[in-house]
């Protein structure tokens, strides 16, 4: 409800302060933008009930406010708010309460709101579909007004993109923020410095993915930087600047549309689906859930358990990856990634 107009100056200040706090903690730009907008609706609700000081806020206000949310109509599509949208409000409320406690403005217990049940919509690509994306790279770059060196550089960047977002399972913003110096070629390790909530982690790089990254960075990336000193890993060929998530997503969809698989072409794919795919493939290969959780940078095992549903494997049947022989582990790592 970003069109709501607040009268209370302290609420306006809190909204901006909350936004800055989220930004400092390293949340995605979309979260930094959207969460305070959702909290503005809480402020508006409080204003209408003459609650003008945030110190007056208590659990009963929040529970009453949430009940009103469940009753209000969807102004865009009619009907009520979807379960997914209500869950976004719950997430924003929890984070706002955490913010109030952290900055010392208000001592208030955790809210007791259960997430609304939603259908799981996570999907993933098969190993064969990943291979088809790689195979589409030579056909996915227009040669019009481009030198052969530029075309080869874009194709090498495409392979590096798949190596990062699929092979290393990075989140969209983690991949966007990568610099060349974050890759340790000697140790085959990727240093994720700007993970969710500013959590850092080290991610192993397979031999094949390391080859793609090496060829891109040392043989072709200079063609895209055009002499600029940027440290960004992914460079746009038109401006020699760091590529953003939208540009990388568009590039992924260009690859998708140049495959010969009609079913793949019709899927709604994005960078995060590549992350879902590698996690699912690891699970199908027998890697234990705890290892996948660390690989993905999840803060809890619950976040990783969703992949047991994608893979069609009951949690109790997931076998430890350590039980697989070393040579089999390497083979599975390469084959299941479709590289």
Protein backbone atom coordinates (compact mmCIF):
# COMPACT_ATOMS: atom_id res chain seq x y z
CA UNK A 1 0.00 0.00 0.00
CA UNK A 2 2.68 2.46 -1.04
CA UNK A 3 0.06 5.13 -1.87
CA UNK A 4 -1.05 5.46 1.75
CA UNK A 5 -0.28 8.90 3.15
CA UNK A 6 1.00 9.09 6.72
CA UNK A 7 0.44 12.16 8.90
CA UNK A 8 2.57 11.15 11.86
CA UNK A 9 6.14 12.43 11.40
CA UNK A 10 7.57 9.83 13.79
CA UNK A 11 6.06 7.03 11.72
CA UNK A 12 7.55 8.54 8.57
CA UNK A 13 10.93 8.62 10.28
CA UNK A 14 10.57 5.00 11.46
CA UNK A 15 9.72 3.86 7.95
CA UNK A 16 12.87 5.46 6.54
CA UNK A 17 15.00 4.26 9.44
CA UNK A 18 13.71 0.70 8.98
CA UNK A 19 14.57 0.90 5.29
CA UNK A 20 18.12 2.05 6.05
CA UNK A 21 18.54 -0.69 8.65
CA UNK A 22 17.57 -3.36 6.13
CA UNK A 23 19.98 -1.87 3.60
CA UNK A 24 22.87 -1.87 6.08
CA UNK A 25 22.18 -5.53 6.88
CA UNK A 26 22.61 -6.37 3.21
CA UNK A 27 19.07 -7.35 2.24
CA UNK A 28 18.19 -7.47 -1.44
CA UNK A 29 17.11 -4.12 -2.98
CA UNK A 30 13.60 -5.51 -3.51
CA UNK A 31 13.33 -6.34 0.20
CA UNK A 32 14.70 -2.94 1.23
CA UNK A 33 12.04 -1.33 -0.95
CA UNK A 34 9.04 -3.56 -0.23
CA UNK A 35 9.21 -4.33 3.52
CA UNK A 36 8.91 -0.70 4.69
CA UNK A 37 6.01 -0.24 2.27
CA UNK A 38 4.21 -3.11 3.98
CA UNK A 39 4.94 -1.66 7.43
CA UNK A 40 3.50 1.67 6.27
CA UNK A 41 0.13 -0.05 6.23
CA UNK A 42 0.59 -0.90 9.92
CA UNK A 43 1.43 2.74 10.65
CA UNK A 44 -1.69 3.86 8.79
CA UNK A 45 -3.79 1.40 10.80
CA UNK A 46 -2.33 2.77 14.05
CA UNK A 47 -2.99 6.35 12.99
CA UNK A 48 -6.65 5.58 12.29
CA UNK A 49 -6.93 4.29 15.86
CA UNK A 50 -5.20 7.31 17.42
CA UNK A 51 -2.10 5.32 18.34
CA UNK A 52 0.44 8.06 17.69
CA UNK A 53 3.50 6.79 19.56
CA UNK A 54 5.32 3.60 18.61
CA UNK A 55 5.84 2.88 22.32
CA UNK A 56 2.12 2.23 22.57
CA UNK A 57 2.39 -0.66 20.12
CA UNK A 58 1.67 -4.07 21.63
CA UNK A 59 0.86 -7.58 20.48
CA UNK A 60 -2.89 -6.93 20.56
CA UNK A 61 -2.50 -4.08 18.03
CA UNK A 62 -0.55 -6.34 15.71
CA UNK A 63 -2.99 -9.24 15.97
CA UNK A 64 -5.94 -6.91 15.36
CA UNK A 65 -4.13 -5.33 12.41
CA UNK A 66 -3.36 -8.71 10.86
CA UNK A 67 -7.01 -9.74 11.19
CA UNK A 68 -7.97 -6.61 9.24
CA UNK A 69 -5.43 -7.57 6.57
CA UNK A 70 -7.09 -10.95 6.17
CA UNK A 71 -10.44 -9.23 5.73
CA UNK A 72 -9.39 -6.50 3.31
CA UNK A 73 -9.84 -6.84 -0.42
CA UNK A 74 -7.15 -7.13 -3.05
CA UNK A 75 -7.24 -3.75 -4.78
CA UNK A 76 -5.67 -5.03 -7.98
CA UNK A 77 -7.43 -8.30 -8.68
CA UNK A 78 -10.41 -8.29 -6.35
CA UNK A 79 -11.14 -10.90 -3.71
CA UNK A 80 -8.99 -11.20 -0.60
CA UNK A 81 -5.23 -11.04 -0.20
CA UNK A 82 -3.45 -14.22 -1.24
CA UNK A 83 -1.79 -16.46 1.33
CA UNK A 84 1.58 -15.62 -0.20
CA UNK A 85 0.96 -11.88 0.19
CA UNK A 86 -0.23 -12.30 3.77
CA UNK A 87 2.97 -14.22 4.50
CA UNK A 88 4.97 -11.26 3.18
CA UNK A 89 3.16 -9.06 5.70
CA UNK A 90 3.97 -11.53 8.49
CA UNK A 91 7.62 -11.58 7.44
CA UNK A 92 7.70 -7.76 7.40
CA UNK A 93 6.08 -7.57 10.85
CA UNK A 94 8.58 -10.01 12.32
CA UNK A 95 11.49 -8.12 10.86
CA UNK A 96 10.10 -4.77 12.02
CA UNK A 97 9.69 -6.08 15.58
CA UNK A 98 13.28 -7.30 15.42
CA UNK A 99 14.34 -3.84 14.25
CA UNK A 100 12.50 -2.17 17.15
CA UNK A 101 14.22 -4.42 19.64
CA UNK A 102 17.66 -4.16 18.07
CA UNK A 103 17.74 -0.37 17.99
CA UNK A 104 16.40 -0.20 21.54
CA UNK A 105 13.18 1.60 20.75
CA UNK A 106 10.74 -0.94 22.08
CA UNK A 107 10.77 -4.18 24.03
CA UNK A 108 8.02 -6.34 22.60
CA UNK A 109 7.64 -10.15 22.47
CA UNK A 110 7.83 -12.09 19.23
CA UNK A 111 4.57 -12.00 17.33
CA UNK A 112 2.58 -15.21 17.40
CA UNK A 113 1.34 -15.33 13.80
CA UNK A 114 1.54 -18.56 11.83
CA UNK A 115 2.30 -18.41 8.13
CA UNK A 116 -0.62 -19.03 5.83
CA UNK A 117 -0.46 -22.33 3.97
CA UNK A 118 0.58 -21.97 0.35
CA UNK A 119 1.23 -24.41 -2.44
CA UNK A 120 4.89 -25.06 -3.13
CA UNK A 121 5.75 -23.50 -6.49
CA UNK A 122 9.48 -24.21 -6.55
CA UNK A 123 10.53 -25.90 -9.76
CA UNK A 124 13.86 -27.03 -11.12
CA UNK A 125 15.55 -27.94 -14.37
CA UNK A 126 16.71 -31.46 -15.08
CA UNK A 127 20.36 -32.26 -15.72
CA UNK A 128 19.53 -32.71 -19.40
CA UNK A 129 17.91 -29.25 -19.54
CA UNK A 130 21.02 -27.71 -17.98
CA UNK A 131 23.09 -29.35 -20.72
CA UNK A 132 20.72 -27.87 -23.31
CA UNK A 133 21.29 -24.37 -21.92
CA UNK A 134 25.04 -24.83 -22.36
CA UNK A 135 24.52 -26.22 -25.85
CA UNK A 136 22.43 -23.17 -26.80
CA UNK A 137 25.23 -20.68 -26.03
CA UNK A 138 26.81 -20.63 -29.53
CA UNK A 139 23.42 -19.88 -31.10
CA UNK A 140 22.29 -17.25 -28.59
CA UNK A 141 24.51 -14.31 -29.53
CA UNK A 142 23.77 -12.06 -32.48
CA UNK A 143 26.85 -11.31 -34.57
CA UNK A 144 25.38 -8.07 -35.96
CA UNK A 145 27.68 -5.10 -35.27
CA UNK A 146 29.91 -7.28 -33.07
CA UNK A 147 33.46 -8.44 -33.60
CA UNK A 148 34.26 -12.12 -33.32
CA UNK A 149 36.17 -11.31 -30.10
CA UNK A 150 33.08 -9.71 -28.56
CA UNK A 151 30.87 -12.63 -29.56
CA UNK A 152 33.32 -15.09 -28.02
CA UNK A 153 33.50 -12.97 -24.85
CA UNK A 154 29.70 -12.95 -24.46
CA UNK A 155 29.58 -16.70 -24.96
CA UNK A 156 32.31 -17.23 -22.36
CA UNK A 157 30.39 -14.98 -19.98
CA UNK A 158 27.26 -17.08 -20.54
CA UNK A 159 29.16 -20.22 -19.53
CA UNK A 160 30.54 -18.42 -16.47
CA UNK A 161 27.01 -17.30 -15.57
CA UNK A 162 25.74 -20.89 -15.59
CA UNK A 163 28.81 -21.99 -13.65
CA UNK A 164 28.09 -19.44 -10.91
CA UNK A 165 24.32 -19.61 -10.56
CA UNK A 166 23.93 -23.32 -11.24
CA UNK A 167 27.30 -24.90 -10.52
CA UNK A 168 27.90 -22.85 -7.36
CA UNK A 169 24.23 -22.38 -6.42
CA UNK A 170 24.47 -18.65 -5.73
CA UNK A 171 21.51 -16.38 -5.07
CA UNK A 172 20.82 -13.69 -7.64
CA UNK A 173 22.30 -10.81 -5.64
CA UNK A 174 25.26 -12.90 -4.51
CA UNK A 175 26.23 -13.50 -8.12
CA UNK A 176 25.66 -9.90 -9.13
CA UNK A 177 27.97 -8.70 -6.34
CA UNK A 178 30.85 -11.04 -7.22
CA UNK A 179 34.24 -9.56 -8.04
CA UNK A 180 37.07 -11.31 -9.86
CA UNK A 181 39.06 -11.34 -6.62
CA UNK A 182 36.40 -13.46 -4.93
CA UNK A 183 37.56 -16.51 -6.89
CA UNK A 184 40.53 -18.44 -5.52
CA UNK A 185 41.73 -20.42 -8.51
CA UNK A 186 44.48 -22.22 -6.60
CA UNK A 187 42.06 -23.64 -4.02
CA UNK A 188 39.00 -23.90 -6.33
CA UNK A 189 37.00 -21.83 -3.85
CA UNK A 190 34.48 -19.04 -4.34
CA UNK A 191 34.22 -16.46 -1.55
CA UNK A 192 30.65 -15.17 -1.20
CA UNK A 193 31.17 -11.89 0.64
CA UNK A 194 27.68 -10.46 0.32
CA UNK A 195 25.39 -13.34 1.22
CA UNK A 196 21.95 -12.98 2.73
CA UNK A 197 22.06 -10.97 5.98
CA UNK A 198 25.71 -10.22 5.15
CA UNK A 199 26.71 -13.79 5.94
CA UNK A 200 29.89 -14.84 4.19
CA UNK A 201 30.64 -18.38 3.05
CA UNK A 202 33.07 -20.35 0.93
CA UNK A 203 31.71 -22.41 -1.96
CA UNK A 204 33.68 -25.18 -3.71
CA UNK A 205 34.05 -24.88 -7.48
CA UNK A 206 34.08 -28.03 -9.59
CA UNK A 207 36.86 -28.63 -12.11
CA UNK A 208 34.56 -27.97 -15.07
CA UNK A 209 33.14 -24.77 -13.59
CA UNK A 210 36.65 -23.56 -12.76
CA UNK A 211 37.61 -24.10 -16.40
CA UNK A 212 34.66 -21.96 -17.57
CA UNK A 213 35.54 -19.20 -15.11
CA UNK A 214 39.23 -19.29 -15.99
CA UNK A 215 38.57 -19.00 -19.74
CA UNK A 216 36.10 -16.17 -19.24
CA UNK A 217 38.21 -14.11 -16.82
CA UNK A 218 41.63 -14.51 -18.41
CA UNK A 219 40.83 -14.96 -22.10
CA UNK A 220 37.64 -12.99 -22.76
CA UNK A 221 36.65 -10.63 -19.94
CA UNK A 222 39.23 -7.96 -21.01
CA UNK A 223 37.29 -7.65 -24.28
CA UNK A 224 34.22 -6.58 -22.28
CA UNK A 225 35.95 -4.27 -19.79
CA UNK A 226 37.36 -2.15 -22.65
CA UNK A 227 40.22 -1.01 -20.47
CA UNK A 228 38.11 -0.04 -17.45
CA UNK A 229 39.40 -1.07 -14.02
CA UNK A 230 36.15 -2.52 -12.70
CA UNK A 231 36.52 -5.61 -10.52
CA UNK A 232 32.99 -6.85 -11.26
CA UNK A 233 32.86 -10.44 -12.48
CA UNK A 234 29.98 -10.03 -14.91
CA UNK A 235 30.44 -7.14 -17.34
CA UNK A 236 27.94 -5.75 -19.86
CA UNK A 237 29.44 -5.50 -23.32
CA UNK A 238 27.69 -2.20 -24.18
CA UNK A 239 28.83 -0.17 -21.15
CA UNK A 240 31.69 -2.13 -19.54
CA UNK A 241 29.87 -1.93 -16.19
CA UNK A 242 28.70 -4.51 -13.66
CA UNK A 243 25.69 -6.44 -14.93
CA UNK A 244 22.62 -6.36 -12.70
CA UNK A 245 20.24 -9.21 -11.95
CA UNK A 246 17.72 -8.23 -14.60
CA UNK A 247 20.36 -8.23 -17.36
CA UNK A 248 21.67 -11.64 -16.29
CA UNK A 249 18.11 -13.02 -16.16
CA UNK A 250 17.42 -11.73 -19.66
CA UNK A 251 20.61 -13.42 -20.84
CA UNK A 252 19.52 -16.70 -19.26
CA UNK A 253 16.16 -16.50 -21.04
CA UNK A 254 17.90 -15.83 -24.34
CA UNK A 255 19.70 -19.15 -23.84
CA UNK A 256 16.40 -20.79 -22.93
CA UNK A 257 14.72 -19.63 -26.12
CA UNK A 258 17.60 -20.90 -28.24
CA UNK A 259 17.30 -24.47 -27.00
CA UNK A 260 15.47 -26.98 -29.17
CA UNK A 261 13.36 -28.15 -26.25
CA UNK A 262 9.83 -26.71 -26.56
CA UNK A 263 8.94 -27.75 -23.01
CA UNK A 264 12.01 -25.96 -21.67
CA UNK A 265 11.24 -22.88 -23.73
CA UNK A 266 7.82 -22.60 -22.10
CA UNK A 267 9.10 -22.71 -18.51
CA UNK A 268 9.27 -19.59 -16.36
CA UNK A 269 12.93 -19.75 -15.50
CA UNK A 270 15.22 -17.37 -13.65
CA UNK A 271 18.57 -17.31 -11.91
CA UNK A 272 17.08 -18.64 -8.68
CA UNK A 273 15.73 -21.70 -10.51
CA UNK A 274 19.33 -22.62 -11.30
CA UNK A 275 20.01 -22.58 -7.55
CA UNK A 276 16.96 -24.77 -6.93
CA UNK A 277 18.19 -27.12 -9.64
CA UNK A 278 21.67 -27.74 -8.25
CA UNK A 279 20.25 -28.30 -4.76
CA UNK A 280 17.77 -30.84 -6.10
CA UNK A 281 20.42 -32.59 -8.18
CA UNK A 282 22.72 -32.84 -5.17
CA UNK A 283 19.91 -34.37 -3.14
CA UNK A 284 19.10 -36.85 -5.89
CA UNK A 285 22.80 -37.76 -6.01
CA UNK A 286 22.78 -38.63 -2.32
CA UNK A 287 24.37 -35.60 -0.68
CA UNK A 288 23.21 -35.17 2.90
CA UNK A 289 20.86 -32.31 3.68
CA UNK A 290 23.27 -30.61 6.10
CA UNK A 291 25.94 -30.36 3.38
CA UNK A 292 23.47 -28.89 0.88
CA UNK A 293 22.35 -26.39 3.50
CA UNK A 294 25.93 -25.18 4.04
CA UNK A 295 26.55 -25.08 0.29
CA UNK A 296 23.50 -22.85 -0.22
CA UNK A 297 24.19 -20.66 2.80
CA UNK A 298 20.89 -21.43 4.52
CA UNK A 299 20.57 -20.27 8.10
CA UNK A 300 18.48 -23.30 9.06
CA UNK A 301 17.90 -26.84 7.82
CA UNK A 302 14.18 -26.11 7.42
CA UNK A 303 14.94 -23.88 4.43
CA UNK A 304 16.73 -26.78 2.72
CA UNK A 305 14.06 -29.41 3.36
CA UNK A 306 11.85 -27.98 0.61
CA UNK A 307 14.17 -29.69 -1.90
CA UNK A 308 13.17 -33.10 -0.59
CA UNK A 309 9.74 -32.41 -2.08
CA UNK A 310 11.19 -31.25 -5.38
CA UNK A 311 13.36 -34.34 -5.61
CA UNK A 312 10.51 -36.62 -4.55
CA UNK A 313 12.62 -38.08 -1.75
CA UNK A 314 11.26 -38.54 1.78
CA UNK A 315 13.59 -36.91 4.31
CA UNK A 316 14.19 -40.21 6.12
CA UNK A 317 15.43 -41.77 2.86
CA UNK A 318 18.06 -39.13 2.13
CA UNK A 319 21.40 -40.92 2.38
CA UNK A 320 24.59 -39.26 3.58
CA UNK A 321 26.74 -38.09 0.69
CA UNK A 322 29.78 -39.33 2.64
CA UNK A 323 28.68 -42.89 1.91
CA UNK A 324 29.41 -42.44 -1.79
CA UNK A 325 32.89 -43.47 -2.84
CA UNK A 326 35.22 -40.63 -3.69
CA UNK A 327 35.46 -41.41 -7.41
CA UNK A 328 31.67 -41.76 -7.60
CA UNK A 329 31.26 -38.47 -5.79
CA UNK A 330 33.35 -36.67 -8.41
CA UNK A 331 31.46 -38.31 -11.24
CA UNK A 332 28.10 -37.41 -9.73
CA UNK A 333 29.21 -33.87 -9.08
CA UNK A 334 30.09 -33.40 -12.73
CA UNK A 335 27.26 -35.39 -14.31
CA UNK A 336 24.42 -34.16 -12.12
CA UNK A 337 25.42 -30.58 -12.84
CA UNK A 338 25.06 -31.33 -16.54
CA UNK A 339 28.52 -29.98 -17.30
